[in-house]
Amino acid sequence: MEPCASTKLVLSVHTVRKFLPGVKIAGPCYTSQKACIEAAKLTNKTIMFPLLYIWDDWGLLALRIALGLVLAIHGIPKLKNIRGTGAWFASEGFKPGMFWAVVVTLLEFFGGIALILGFLSQALAALLVVQFLVILIWKIKKGDSFVGGYELDIFIFATALAILSLGGGSYAVDAFLW
């Protein structure tokens, strides 16, 4: 890839590896807008604003932080009262209640912190997709309304699905580990 002298862009390592797998890079790739558009064409994706591809890892970071904060904050009360959480799970039909309370508490609180850091992002996202799919089905079958019922659960499900399919990005601990 030849850099254009007049318009240089910085593409993240993650972006270049994703869209130009044959290109060998060791650090940020300085390239032209034309190369950025070509990278998008290689993936058969239609893009409205090709210049925004230089920010793709920042978007993933924002998703991870938002999801991690929401999960960790919702995990704190469960962590403080694990027995009460276990009793609630059992009363709602998720038996054994204490087992599911521990699983959900660990996933939400510690998984939320790990997502903020970008540690095991896709594995945690896969577990969250399963957890929130169960929650959505359960709430819809119960007859909960969308507003005040399961709108946050849909947000968490969709965000986890995005992280599952896209990964944690370059600004994640995962990027340094694998």
Foldseek 3Di string as FASTA:
>chain_A
DDADPPAWDWAAPLLCCVQPVVDDDDGTDIHHLVVLVVSCVSVVDDDDDSNCNSCVLVVLLVLLLVLLVVLQVVLVVCVVCVVVQLVVCVVLPNPSSSVVSVVSSCLRNVVSVLSNQQHPLLVSLVVLLVVLVVVVVSQVVVPADCVVTCVVSVVSNVSSVCCNVSPNHCNHPVVVVD
